[in-house]
Protein backbone atom coordinates (compact mmCIF):
# COMPACT_ATOMS: atom_id res chain seq x y z
CA MET A 1 59.16 306.49 118.03
CA ARG A 2 61.23 308.86 115.94
CA GLU A 3 63.66 309.03 118.86
CA ASP A 4 63.57 305.22 119.12
CA ASN A 5 64.58 305.14 115.48
CA LYS A 6 67.53 307.41 116.21
CA ASN A 7 68.41 305.35 119.26
CA LEU A 8 68.55 302.22 117.14
CA ILE A 9 70.81 303.93 114.61
CA LEU A 10 72.94 305.19 117.48
CA ALA A 11 73.21 301.69 118.97
CA ILE A 12 74.28 300.27 115.61
CA ALA A 13 76.85 303.02 115.12
CA LEU A 14 78.27 302.59 118.61
CA SER A 15 78.47 298.81 118.21
CA LEU A 16 80.42 299.30 115.01
CA ALA A 17 82.59 301.85 116.78
CA VAL A 18 83.42 299.29 119.48
CA LEU A 19 84.50 296.75 116.87
CA LEU A 20 86.55 299.29 114.98
CA GLY A 21 88.00 300.60 118.21
CA TRP A 22 89.17 297.13 119.21
CA GLN A 23 90.79 296.79 115.82
CA TYR A 24 92.47 300.18 116.05
CA PHE A 25 93.56 300.33 119.67
CA PHE A 26 94.39 296.66 120.30
CA ALA A 27 94.82 294.50 117.21
CA ALA A 28 96.80 296.93 115.06
CA PRO A 29 99.35 297.90 117.76
CA GLN A 30 99.72 294.23 118.70
CA ALA A 31 100.39 293.30 115.07
CA GLU A 32 103.02 296.04 114.81
CA LYS A 33 104.79 294.76 117.93
CA GLN A 34 104.75 291.21 116.55
CA ARG A 35 106.10 292.40 113.21
CA GLN A 36 108.98 294.17 114.93
CA ALA A 37 109.68 291.07 117.04
CA ALA A 38 109.78 288.94 113.90
CA GLN A 39 112.25 291.31 112.27
CA GLN A 40 114.45 291.27 115.35
CA GLN A 41 114.29 287.48 115.49
CA SER A 42 115.30 287.15 111.85
CA THR A 43 118.51 289.09 112.52
CA GLN A 44 119.65 286.64 115.19
CA VAL A 45 120.67 283.83 112.82
CA ASN A 46 124.35 282.91 113.19
CA PRO A 47 125.79 282.50 109.66
CA THR A 48 129.14 281.18 110.92
CA ALA A 49 127.83 278.29 113.03
CA PRO A 50 128.91 274.71 112.20
CA ASN A 51 126.90 272.24 110.16
CA PRO A 52 123.47 271.31 111.57
CA PRO A 53 123.15 267.97 113.37
CA PRO A 54 120.93 265.16 112.12
CA SER A 55 117.23 265.62 112.79
CA PRO A 56 116.45 265.10 116.48
CA SER A 57 113.24 263.36 115.43
CA GLN A 58 115.35 260.58 113.97
CA ALA A 59 117.99 260.24 116.70
CA GLY A 60 119.57 256.81 116.62
CA GLY A 61 118.38 256.20 113.07
CA ALA A 62 114.98 254.91 114.14
CA SER A 63 111.70 256.32 112.98
CA PRO A 64 109.48 257.44 115.87
CA THR A 65 106.09 255.88 116.48
CA VAL A 66 104.45 259.16 115.47
CA PRO A 67 106.24 261.07 112.69
CA GLY A 68 107.39 264.53 113.67
CA THR A 69 107.71 263.85 117.39
CA VAL A 70 111.04 264.56 119.04
CA PRO A 71 112.79 263.27 122.17
CA SER A 72 111.67 265.19 125.24
CA THR A 73 115.18 266.41 126.05
CA PRO A 74 117.17 266.73 122.82
CA ALA A 75 120.26 268.87 122.63
CA ALA A 76 119.49 272.41 121.61
CA PRO A 77 120.05 272.61 117.84
CA THR A 78 122.85 274.65 116.33
CA ILE A 79 121.37 277.32 114.08
CA VAL A 80 122.93 278.18 110.74
CA SER A 81 121.91 280.46 107.90
CA ARG A 82 119.49 279.15 105.34
CA GLU A 83 122.19 279.20 102.67
CA ALA A 84 124.56 277.16 104.85
CA ALA A 85 121.85 274.61 105.66
CA LEU A 86 121.03 274.15 101.97
CA ALA A 87 124.71 273.66 101.15
CA ASN A 88 125.11 270.91 103.75
CA SER A 89 123.25 268.22 101.81
CA LYS A 90 122.86 266.89 98.30
CA ARG A 91 119.76 268.29 96.66
CA VAL A 92 117.51 268.09 93.62
CA THR A 93 116.73 271.57 92.26
CA ILE A 94 113.08 272.59 91.88
CA ASP A 95 112.42 275.00 89.02
CA THR A 96 108.91 275.93 87.90
CA PRO A 97 107.32 279.18 86.66
CA ALA A 98 105.99 279.81 90.18
CA ILE A 99 108.51 278.42 92.65
CA ALA A 100 112.22 277.85 93.14
CA GLY A 101 113.77 275.53 95.68
CA SER A 102 115.10 272.04 96.20
CA ILE A 103 114.45 268.57 97.63
CA ASN A 104 116.81 267.31 100.31
CA LEU A 105 118.22 263.89 99.36
CA ARG A 106 118.96 263.34 103.04
CA GLY A 107 115.52 262.31 104.22
CA GLY A 108 113.78 263.07 100.93
CA ARG A 109 112.07 266.12 102.43
CA ILE A 110 110.63 269.00 100.44
CA ASP A 111 112.15 271.68 102.63
CA ASP A 112 113.17 274.51 100.34
CA VAL A 113 110.47 276.52 98.57
CA ALA A 114 110.55 280.20 97.58
CA LEU A 115 107.79 281.94 95.62
CA LYS A 116 109.02 283.65 92.46
CA HIS A 117 106.09 286.04 92.00
CA TYR A 118 105.75 287.28 95.57
CA ARG A 119 108.08 289.60 97.44
CA GLU A 120 108.35 290.83 101.00
CA THR A 121 107.35 294.42 100.16
CA VAL A 122 105.99 296.46 97.25
CA ASP A 123 109.59 297.17 96.26
CA PRO A 124 110.23 294.94 93.21
CA LYS A 125 113.82 294.51 94.39
CA SER A 126 112.86 293.13 97.79
CA ALA A 127 113.47 289.47 98.63
CA ASN A 128 111.14 286.74 97.42
CA ILE A 129 108.81 285.12 99.93
CA VAL A 130 110.44 282.01 101.43
CA LEU A 131 107.86 279.44 102.46
CA LEU A 132 109.73 276.25 103.41
CA SER A 133 113.16 276.01 105.05
CA PRO A 134 115.33 273.03 106.07
CA GLU A 135 116.07 271.77 109.55
CA GLY A 136 119.03 273.53 111.13
CA THR A 137 117.78 277.01 110.19
CA GLN A 138 116.11 279.51 112.49
CA ASN A 139 112.57 278.28 111.77
CA PRO A 140 112.48 274.92 109.95
CA TYR A 141 109.31 274.30 107.94
CA TYR A 142 109.05 271.29 105.63
CA ALA A 143 106.96 268.43 104.25
CA GLU A 144 107.83 264.79 104.77
CA PHE A 145 106.39 261.57 103.37
CA GLY A 146 107.14 257.97 104.25
CA TRP A 147 106.08 254.68 105.78
CA LEU A 148 105.48 253.46 109.32
CA GLY A 149 105.71 249.90 110.56
CA ALA A 150 107.16 247.46 113.07
CA GLN A 151 110.43 247.38 111.10
CA ALA A 152 111.33 250.91 112.23
CA GLY A 153 115.05 250.44 111.83
CA SER A 154 114.69 249.33 108.23
CA LEU A 155 112.39 252.15 107.05
CA PRO A 156 113.56 255.42 105.50
CA ASN A 157 113.85 258.32 107.92
CA ALA A 158 115.25 261.85 108.04
CA SER A 159 118.84 260.53 107.88
CA THR A 160 118.28 258.29 104.86
CA GLU A 161 120.42 259.13 101.84
CA TRP A 162 118.22 258.76 98.75
CA THR A 163 119.47 258.39 95.20
CA ALA A 164 117.85 260.56 92.51
CA ASP A 165 117.56 259.71 88.81
CA ARG A 166 118.03 263.39 87.88
CA ASP A 167 119.18 266.58 89.55
CA ARG A 168 116.37 268.89 88.44
CA LEU A 169 112.60 268.77 89.01
CA THR A 170 110.45 270.72 86.54
CA PRO A 171 106.81 270.47 85.46
CA SER A 172 107.90 268.33 82.49
CA SER A 173 110.49 266.15 84.27
CA PRO A 174 109.53 264.25 87.46
CA VAL A 175 112.22 262.97 89.79
CA THR A 176 112.37 259.46 91.24
CA LEU A 177 114.16 258.87 94.53
CA THR A 178 115.29 255.34 95.40
CA TRP A 179 116.54 253.64 98.57
CA ASP A 180 117.27 249.96 99.22
CA ASN A 181 117.25 249.06 102.91
CA GLY A 182 119.40 245.96 102.29
CA GLN A 183 116.79 243.78 103.99
CA GLY A 184 114.55 243.04 101.05
CA LEU A 185 112.63 246.30 100.76
CA VAL A 186 113.18 248.80 97.94
CA PHE A 187 111.54 252.21 98.35
CA ARG A 188 110.85 254.54 95.45
CA ARG A 189 109.37 258.01 95.57
CA THR A 190 108.40 259.73 92.31
CA ILE A 191 107.88 263.46 92.78
CA SER A 192 106.26 265.63 90.12
CA VAL A 193 105.19 269.27 90.21
CA ASP A 194 102.87 271.42 88.12
CA GLU A 195 103.42 275.00 87.00
CA LYS A 196 101.91 276.41 90.19
CA PHE A 197 102.21 275.01 93.72
CA MET A 198 101.11 271.37 93.67
CA PHE A 199 103.49 268.45 94.17
CA THR A 200 102.40 264.86 93.56
CA ILE A 201 104.26 262.19 95.52
CA LYS A 202 103.83 258.60 94.35
CA SER A 203 105.46 256.23 96.86
CA THR A 204 106.07 252.52 96.14
CA VAL A 205 107.53 249.71 98.21
CA GLU A 206 108.81 246.54 96.53
CA ASN A 207 109.18 243.48 98.76
CA ARG A 208 112.08 241.34 97.55
CA GLY A 209 112.29 239.46 100.83
CA SER A 210 110.75 236.20 101.93
CA GLU A 211 108.24 237.51 104.49
CA ALA A 212 105.18 239.72 104.25
CA VAL A 213 105.51 243.27 105.59
CA ALA A 214 102.75 245.61 106.86
CA LEU A 215 103.37 249.33 106.36
CA GLN A 216 101.33 252.52 106.81
CA PRO A 217 101.84 255.50 104.49
CA TYR A 218 102.08 258.92 106.11
CA GLY A 219 102.54 262.53 105.14
CA LEU A 220 103.16 265.53 107.33
CA VAL A 221 103.86 269.22 107.36
CA SER A 222 106.15 270.18 110.24
CA ARG A 223 106.91 273.64 111.55
CA HIS A 224 109.55 274.21 114.23
CA GLY A 225 109.09 277.25 116.44
CA LYS A 226 105.90 279.19 117.00
CA PRO A 227 105.65 281.72 114.17
CA THR A 228 104.79 285.35 114.69
CA THR A 229 101.12 285.80 113.80
CA LEU A 230 99.17 288.96 113.06
CA GLY A 231 96.68 288.21 115.84
CA TYR A 232 93.56 289.52 114.09
CA TYR A 233 90.22 288.04 115.14
CA VAL A 234 89.02 287.98 111.51
CA LEU A 235 91.94 285.84 110.33
CA HIS A 236 92.94 282.25 111.07
CA GLU A 237 96.63 281.43 111.23
CA GLY A 238 97.74 278.02 112.42
CA LEU A 239 96.71 274.41 111.86
CA ILE A 240 93.96 273.88 109.30
CA GLY A 241 92.25 271.03 107.55
CA VAL A 242 89.09 269.52 106.17
CA LEU A 243 89.11 265.99 107.55
CA GLY A 244 86.35 264.02 105.85
CA ASP A 245 82.90 264.46 107.34
CA SER A 246 84.35 266.30 110.35
CA GLY A 247 84.49 269.36 108.11
CA LEU A 248 86.70 272.40 108.46
CA GLN A 249 89.02 272.41 111.47
CA GLU A 250 90.91 275.58 112.39
CA ILE A 251 93.17 275.42 115.45
CA LYS A 252 95.44 278.25 116.48
CA TYR A 253 98.91 277.52 117.81
CA ASP A 254 98.12 278.58 121.38
CA ALA A 255 94.93 276.51 121.43
CA LEU A 256 96.79 273.40 120.32
CA ASP A 257 99.45 273.99 122.97
CA LYS A 258 96.72 273.84 125.64
CA GLU A 259 95.37 270.44 124.54
CA THR A 260 95.82 267.65 127.10
CA PRO A 261 99.10 265.80 126.34
CA VAL A 262 98.98 262.20 125.23
CA ALA A 263 99.49 259.86 128.19
CA GLY A 264 103.18 259.29 128.90
CA SER A 265 104.36 262.03 126.53
CA ASN A 266 104.66 265.78 126.16
CA VAL A 267 102.75 265.82 122.87
CA SER A 268 99.48 267.74 122.77
CA GLN A 269 97.28 266.65 119.90
CA LYS A 270 93.86 266.53 118.32
CA THR A 271 93.03 263.53 116.14
CA TRP A 272 90.32 262.46 113.72
CA ASP A 273 89.87 258.77 112.89
CA GLY A 274 88.29 257.32 109.80
CA ALA A 275 88.52 260.50 107.73
CA GLN A 276 88.13 260.32 103.97
CA GLY A 277 88.80 263.22 101.64
CA GLY A 278 90.02 266.72 102.38
CA PHE A 279 93.42 268.04 103.38
CA LEU A 280 95.41 269.17 106.42
CA GLY A 281 98.33 271.46 106.98
CA ILE A 282 99.52 274.81 108.30
CA THR A 283 98.41 278.19 107.02
CA ASP A 284 99.58 281.76 107.25
CA LYS A 285 97.64 284.77 106.05
CA TYR A 286 98.62 284.43 102.40
CA TRP A 287 100.61 281.15 102.22
CA ALA A 288 100.03 277.54 103.18
CA ALA A 289 101.60 274.10 103.15
CA THR A 290 99.10 271.23 103.21
CA VAL A 291 99.20 267.47 102.76
CA ILE A 292 96.44 266.09 100.54
CA PRO A 293 95.77 262.35 100.84
CA ASP A 294 94.24 260.22 98.12
CA GLN A 295 90.61 261.35 98.34
CA ALA A 296 89.44 257.71 98.36
CA MET A 297 91.82 256.75 101.18
CA THR A 298 90.64 256.34 104.77
CA TYR A 299 93.14 257.93 107.11
CA GLN A 300 93.74 259.27 110.59
CA GLY A 301 94.43 262.99 110.77
CA ALA A 302 96.22 264.69 113.63
CA PHE A 303 97.47 268.10 114.70
CA THR A 304 100.28 267.88 117.25
CA SER A 305 102.25 270.32 119.36
CA GLN A 306 105.34 269.38 121.34
CA GLN A 307 107.60 271.40 123.57
CA SER A 308 111.22 270.35 123.94
CA GLN A 309 114.55 271.94 124.73
CA ALA A 310 114.90 272.54 121.01
CA GLY A 311 111.68 274.57 120.99
CA ARG A 312 108.04 274.08 120.01
CA THR A 313 107.20 271.84 117.04
CA TYR A 314 103.85 271.77 115.24
CA ASN A 315 102.77 268.97 112.88
CA ALA A 316 99.83 268.33 110.61
CA LEU A 317 99.94 264.58 110.04
CA MET A 318 97.93 262.01 108.10
CA GLN A 319 98.42 258.23 108.48
CA GLY A 320 96.80 255.77 106.10
CA ALA A 321 95.67 252.26 106.93
CA ALA A 322 98.29 249.48 107.05
CA GLN A 323 98.97 247.74 103.75
CA THR A 324 100.39 244.22 103.63
CA ILE A 325 103.14 243.67 101.06
CA GLN A 326 103.58 240.04 100.16
CA PRO A 327 106.99 238.72 99.00
CA GLY A 328 107.52 239.56 95.34
CA SER A 329 104.79 242.21 95.28
CA THR A 330 104.66 246.03 95.31
CA VAL A 331 102.30 248.53 96.89
CA GLU A 332 101.80 252.10 95.83
CA THR A 333 100.21 255.17 97.40
CA THR A 334 99.78 258.71 96.08
CA GLN A 335 99.70 261.90 98.12
CA ARG A 336 99.99 265.55 97.24
CA LEU A 337 101.54 268.62 98.75
CA PHE A 338 100.33 272.16 98.23
CA ALA A 339 103.10 274.63 99.07
CA GLY A 340 102.49 278.14 97.87
CA ALA A 341 100.29 281.22 97.67
CA LYS A 342 96.56 280.93 98.40
CA GLU A 343 95.44 282.36 95.07
CA VAL A 344 91.67 282.02 94.77
CA ALA A 345 91.60 280.87 91.13
CA THR A 346 94.46 278.41 91.72
CA VAL A 347 92.93 276.91 94.85
CA ASP A 348 89.50 276.60 93.19
CA ALA A 349 91.07 274.96 90.13
CA TYR A 350 92.78 272.34 92.32
CA GLN A 351 89.52 271.65 94.13
CA ASN A 352 87.69 271.09 90.85
CA SER A 353 90.34 269.23 88.86
CA LEU A 354 91.65 267.00 91.66
CA GLY A 355 88.39 266.58 93.53
CA ILE A 356 89.85 267.82 96.84
CA LYS A 357 87.03 268.14 99.33
CA ASN A 358 86.40 271.79 100.34
CA PHE A 359 89.92 272.80 99.39
CA ASP A 360 88.74 276.39 98.91
CA LEU A 361 88.21 276.65 102.67
CA MET A 362 91.98 276.88 103.01
CA ILE A 363 91.29 280.57 102.30
CA ASP A 364 89.66 282.10 105.36
CA TRP A 365 86.37 283.28 103.85
CA GLY A 366 84.78 283.30 107.32
CA TRP A 367 81.23 282.64 108.47
CA PHE A 368 79.81 284.87 105.73
CA TYR A 369 81.31 282.67 103.00
CA PHE A 370 78.12 283.06 100.97
CA ILE A 371 78.72 286.84 100.82
CA THR A 372 82.50 287.08 100.98
CA LYS A 373 83.49 284.73 98.17
CA PRO A 374 80.88 285.97 95.65
CA LEU A 375 81.92 289.53 96.47
CA PHE A 376 85.51 288.64 95.64
CA LYS A 377 84.40 287.00 92.38
CA VAL A 378 82.67 290.20 91.31
CA LEU A 379 85.68 292.31 92.28
CA ASP A 380 87.98 289.95 90.41
CA PHE A 381 85.75 290.14 87.32
CA PHE A 382 86.06 293.92 87.16
CA TYR A 383 89.76 293.73 87.96
CA LYS A 384 90.29 291.55 84.90
CA LEU A 385 88.37 294.08 82.82
CA PHE A 386 90.14 297.22 84.04
CA GLY A 387 93.37 295.94 85.59
CA ASN A 388 92.89 297.84 88.86
CA PHE A 389 91.29 296.51 92.03
CA GLY A 390 90.61 300.07 93.20
CA ILE A 391 88.40 300.71 90.18
CA ALA A 392 86.77 297.34 90.80
CA ILE A 393 85.90 298.43 94.35
CA LEU A 394 84.32 301.65 93.06
CA LEU A 395 82.23 299.80 90.47
CA VAL A 396 81.07 297.12 92.93
CA THR A 397 80.00 299.88 95.32
CA VAL A 398 77.85 301.40 92.58
CA ILE A 399 76.30 297.99 91.87
CA LEU A 400 75.52 297.45 95.54
CA LYS A 401 73.90 300.86 95.72
CA ALA A 402 71.76 300.01 92.70
CA LEU A 403 70.73 296.67 94.24
CA PHE A 404 69.70 298.30 97.51
CA PHE A 405 68.04 301.30 95.86
CA PRO A 406 64.47 299.97 96.34
CA LEU A 407 65.17 299.50 100.04
CA ALA A 408 66.69 302.96 100.36
CA ASN A 409 63.78 304.45 98.41
CA LYS A 410 61.31 302.81 100.79
CA SER A 411 63.32 304.08 103.74
CA TYR A 412 63.26 307.70 102.62
CA ARG A 413 59.61 307.46 101.61
CA SER A 414 58.90 306.43 105.18
CA MET A 415 61.01 309.37 106.30
CA ALA A 416 58.84 311.68 104.20
CA LYS A 417 55.70 310.37 105.86
CA MET A 418 57.33 310.76 109.27
CA LYS A 419 58.10 314.39 108.52
CA ALA A 420 54.51 314.99 107.35
CA VAL A 421 53.07 313.85 110.70
CA GLN A 422 55.60 315.78 112.81
CA PRO A 423 52.90 318.26 114.03
CA GLU A 424 50.65 315.40 115.18
CA MET A 425 53.59 313.69 116.91
CA ALA A 426 54.46 316.93 118.71
CA SER A 427 50.82 317.25 119.78
CA ILE A 428 50.79 313.71 121.17
CA ARG A 429 53.97 314.33 123.20
CA GLU A 430 52.54 317.56 124.56
CA ARG A 431 49.15 315.96 125.33
CA TYR A 432 50.53 313.03 127.35
CA GLY A 433 53.50 314.81 128.89
CA ASP A 434 55.47 312.41 131.09
CA ASP A 435 53.15 309.42 130.56
CA LYS A 436 55.52 307.50 128.27
CA MET A 437 53.25 304.45 128.03
CA LYS A 438 50.24 306.34 126.65
CA GLN A 439 52.54 308.45 124.51
CA GLN A 440 53.99 305.33 122.87
CA GLN A 441 50.53 303.81 122.35
CA ALA A 442 49.26 306.97 120.68
CA LEU A 443 52.34 307.16 118.44
CA MET A 444 51.93 303.51 117.42
CA GLU A 445 48.31 304.13 116.55
CA LEU A 446 49.37 307.10 114.42
CA TYR A 447 51.95 304.95 112.61
CA ARG A 448 49.35 302.27 111.88
CA LYS A 449 46.89 304.86 110.61
CA GLU A 450 49.42 306.52 108.30
CA LYS A 451 51.14 303.20 107.35
CA ILE A 452 54.51 304.36 108.61
CA ASN A 453 57.38 301.99 109.51
CA PRO A 454 59.42 303.93 112.09
CA VAL A 455 62.48 301.66 111.79
CA ALA A 456 62.58 301.66 107.98
CA GLY A 457 65.39 304.18 108.05
CA CYS A 458 67.62 301.66 109.81
CA TRP A 459 67.54 299.04 107.06
CA PRO A 460 70.13 300.68 104.79
CA VAL A 461 72.48 300.87 107.78
CA LEU A 462 71.85 297.24 108.78
CA ILE A 463 72.40 296.02 105.21
CA GLN A 464 75.59 298.01 104.80
CA ILE A 465 77.28 296.53 107.89
CA PRO A 466 77.59 292.89 106.64
CA VAL A 467 78.65 294.15 103.21
CA PHE A 468 81.26 296.34 104.87
CA PHE A 469 82.66 293.42 106.85
CA ALA A 470 82.56 291.12 103.82
CA LEU A 471 84.60 293.63 101.85
CA TYR A 472 86.93 294.05 104.82
CA LYS A 473 87.41 290.27 104.84
CA VAL A 474 88.13 290.18 101.10
CA LEU A 475 90.66 293.01 101.34
CA PHE A 476 92.27 291.47 104.38
CA VAL A 477 92.58 287.76 103.52
CA THR A 478 92.85 287.45 99.73
CA ILE A 479 96.33 287.51 98.32
CA GLU A 480 95.07 289.16 95.14
CA MET A 481 94.64 292.39 97.11
CA ARG A 482 98.18 292.18 98.49
CA HIS A 483 100.39 294.84 96.91
CA ALA A 484 97.55 295.75 94.50
CA PRO A 485 97.96 299.45 93.58
CA PHE A 486 95.25 302.07 93.04
CA PHE A 487 96.35 305.50 91.82
CA GLY A 488 98.83 308.03 93.15
CA TRP A 489 100.38 307.18 96.49
CA ILE A 490 98.24 304.07 97.13
CA ARG A 491 100.54 301.23 96.08
CA ASP A 492 98.92 298.55 98.23
CA LEU A 493 95.14 298.44 98.74
CA ALA A 494 95.56 295.88 101.53
CA ALA A 495 97.79 298.25 103.56
CA PRO A 496 96.88 301.54 105.29
CA ASP A 497 97.23 304.86 103.49
CA PRO A 498 100.98 305.59 103.86
CA THR A 499 100.60 309.38 104.04
CA SER A 500 100.02 311.46 107.16
CA VAL A 501 98.56 314.91 107.70
CA PHE A 502 100.97 315.36 110.62
CA ASN A 503 103.99 315.60 108.31
CA LEU A 504 102.01 317.46 105.64
CA PHE A 505 101.75 314.29 103.55
CA GLY A 506 105.49 313.82 103.27
CA LEU A 507 106.58 317.43 102.88
CA LEU A 508 108.16 317.43 106.34
CA PRO A 509 111.11 315.02 106.67
CA TYR A 510 110.02 312.90 109.62
CA ASN A 511 107.85 309.88 110.31
CA PRO A 512 104.94 310.69 112.67
CA GLY A 513 104.55 306.97 113.42
CA ALA A 514 107.94 307.01 115.17
CA VAL A 515 106.75 309.46 117.83
CA PRO A 516 106.76 307.62 121.20
CA VAL A 517 103.40 306.59 122.70
CA ILE A 518 101.16 308.56 120.31
CA GLY A 519 102.86 307.72 117.00
CA HIS A 520 100.20 305.19 116.05
CA PHE A 521 97.52 307.88 116.30
CA LEU A 522 99.42 310.20 113.97
CA LEU A 523 99.31 307.90 110.93
CA LEU A 524 96.33 309.68 109.46
CA GLY A 525 96.44 309.70 105.66
CA ALA A 526 94.66 311.65 102.95
CA TRP A 527 92.06 308.99 102.20
CA PRO A 528 90.91 308.57 105.83
CA LEU A 529 90.56 312.36 106.03
CA PHE A 530 88.48 312.41 102.88
CA MET A 531 86.37 309.54 104.21
CA GLY A 532 85.75 311.50 107.42
CA PHE A 533 84.66 314.52 105.40
CA THR A 534 82.18 312.47 103.35
CA MET A 535 80.79 310.93 106.54
CA TRP A 536 80.34 314.39 108.05
CA LEU A 537 78.67 315.58 104.84
CA GLN A 538 76.28 312.60 104.91
CA MET A 539 75.23 313.36 108.49
CA LYS A 540 74.52 316.96 107.56
CA MET A 541 71.86 315.69 105.12
CA ASN A 542 69.49 314.97 108.01
CA PRO A 543 67.96 317.19 110.69
CA GLU A 544 70.04 317.57 113.83
CA PRO A 545 68.87 315.31 116.68
CA PRO A 546 66.91 317.18 119.35
CA ASP A 547 68.66 315.29 122.15
CA PRO A 548 71.94 317.08 123.11
CA VAL A 549 73.78 313.80 123.82
CA GLN A 550 72.82 312.32 120.46
CA LYS A 551 73.76 315.57 118.81
CA GLN A 552 77.26 315.46 120.29
CA VAL A 553 77.72 311.76 119.44
CA PHE A 554 76.78 312.33 115.81
CA ALA A 555 78.95 315.43 115.64
CA TRP A 556 82.06 313.59 116.85
CA MET A 557 81.44 310.31 115.05
CA PRO A 558 83.12 311.37 111.75
CA VAL A 559 86.19 312.48 113.69
CA ILE A 560 86.38 309.22 115.65
CA PHE A 561 85.89 307.08 112.55
CA THR A 562 88.52 309.08 110.68
CA PHE A 563 91.15 308.19 113.28
CA MET A 564 89.93 304.61 113.54
CA LEU A 565 90.10 303.95 109.82
CA GLY A 566 93.54 305.50 109.55
CA SER A 567 95.04 302.06 110.21
CA PHE A 568 92.59 300.11 108.04
CA PRO A 569 93.39 298.85 104.52
CA ALA A 570 93.32 301.72 102.03
CA GLY A 571 90.91 299.80 99.81
CA LEU A 572 88.35 299.68 102.60
CA VAL A 573 88.69 303.41 103.29
CA ILE A 574 88.30 304.18 99.58
CA TYR A 575 85.16 302.02 99.54
CA TRP A 576 83.67 303.80 102.54
CA ALA A 577 84.44 307.29 101.19
CA TRP A 578 82.98 306.45 97.78
CA ASN A 579 79.97 304.78 99.40
CA ASN A 580 79.33 307.92 101.47
CA LEU A 581 79.42 310.13 98.38
CA LEU A 582 77.00 307.83 96.57
CA SER A 583 74.77 307.78 99.65
CA VAL A 584 74.65 311.58 99.75
CA THR A 585 73.70 311.72 96.05
CA GLN A 586 71.16 308.93 96.40
CA GLN A 587 69.62 310.39 99.52
CA ALA A 588 69.28 313.83 97.92
CA PHE A 589 67.60 312.31 94.86
CA ILE A 590 65.12 310.22 96.85
CA MET A 591 64.31 312.98 99.32
CA LYS A 592 63.65 315.47 96.53
CA ARG A 593 61.44 312.98 94.68
CA ASN A 594 59.44 312.33 97.86
CA GLY A 595 59.08 315.98 98.77
CA VAL A 596 61.36 315.82 101.80
CA LYS A 597 63.44 318.87 102.54
CA ILE A 598 67.18 318.37 102.13
CA GLU A 599 68.71 319.71 105.30
CA LEU A 600 72.29 319.85 104.01
CA TRP A 601 72.52 323.55 103.17
CA ASP A 602 70.64 324.71 106.26
CA ASN A 603 72.84 322.56 108.49
CA LEU A 604 76.00 323.83 106.82
CA ARG A 605 74.83 327.44 107.28
CA LYS A 606 74.06 326.79 110.95
CA THR A 607 77.44 325.12 111.49
CA PHE A 608 79.49 327.91 109.99
CA SER A 609 77.31 330.69 111.37
CA ARG A 610 77.79 329.27 114.88
CA ARG A 611 81.53 329.20 114.33
CA SER A 612 81.51 332.81 113.08
CA ALA A 613 79.47 333.90 116.08
CA THR A 614 81.84 332.07 118.46
CA GLN A 615 84.91 333.66 116.89
CA SER A 616 83.39 337.13 117.04
């Protein structure tokens, strides 16, 4: 059964190796290709093109039956630079501590948002993150609010010219947009914003006519063109929402494209009727734009995808129930728009203060939410104490080791008992020879007699795996880890170690990653090397496996994992290296206390003596 124990450990290690190998050999190269494609695409904008045409979704001045849909064969749009598109319409400036941008008075869209505190790279002089962009640019991305009804020609649309009561929106000064359709309906839209990323849109319709009118409020986030995604299996990028009791819905762009089109159209969609509470929108890794209906309102939610000559358009849309406006009366509806960074504290604060159902699920905590989010909270606590997420990772690792100490102690105590009965186990194997059945029965009887759990040594490994993946998730999806420095050359814990042993850690003036075909394998930094050393040291703590195949697998595993983790976030590699060092110390302490021989020095002597003998 001792060999069964080793086989189980081997199976666990190989399973983890498969997962890491997929990440290293497939996901990471794919992400790099997509990143390069995105950079190339961004350089193809024509800054000298003429003014953009009116929105194709509002061709002819009529609002479509479903907001955000476009004619099946519109003319291909003329693309201009973002600056040119912003200059082509009257705008209300947005200025808050967190965001800069503007509201387009043509259509009343919120289509210009840049994040003041977030930049493209760790270079403080790099460009700010641009979240929303107007129609006519390379990749339009905007939020739109309005009304639907039978009077389509008399309702505001993307071509409507609104009048604003001020030219600047700040947290202390809301802006009211007004439009009179000349047929008895006066539309007002009061937009306010807080000091972070939340807009509140209060829409009113005053009926000055002589007949009742039935209108439906709507809100949508629309994204033109399929964005370049990272393509990681642990991260959701695409359409997202919590739609009432239907719960969290995460739909990737490609999956939505494959939905059966609505009859008589080229619009693929997924809908939810009778939803109450929640939100819906579009999310990237660190940023999101979501529409948040009145949490007491019953609405229909929909995610749509439409292909046209102009390209692919994605919408997250909510439509409220029809409201009848009698002559001389006014109706009012309130919606919100989140457009910004998915900061954990900010998102949680909105969920609590505004009562938004499961708003925290906009951050991709994954299936292990109950581990991942608490782990982040602990890391964030230590970060606030010491001002360094790297130190927080080291401290949390120590805490986890302390929590699992009783389990590890029990494991090594069982190992001590196993070592004590080694002579009897050898006798049983010799006595029964090739009769594996009787051999196993005799070994099991021995374990029962001596009260030995042969798989106890696997528990520390099994426990460490979910913690490892939870930490990986935290490092990978939380924006707080983005561009968070450690010490020395590690300026971003969420990015791989930027050094490489193949250019002597920067001493040689070339980039190993640029080498054709094998460049990705040459990005092997100092921290992954140190992690590999600690893993090798930990394996030398135990007796060498008697099976030659197992022996070779365990010998090469530190090398394989070193290369695999070369492309992983530096914070994760630091965690693993530090965890290995703590494991070596803990294992030595427990083994000594339980009278088990520490094999480290003997194994090291054997390793180097074999090398000396080979060289001689």
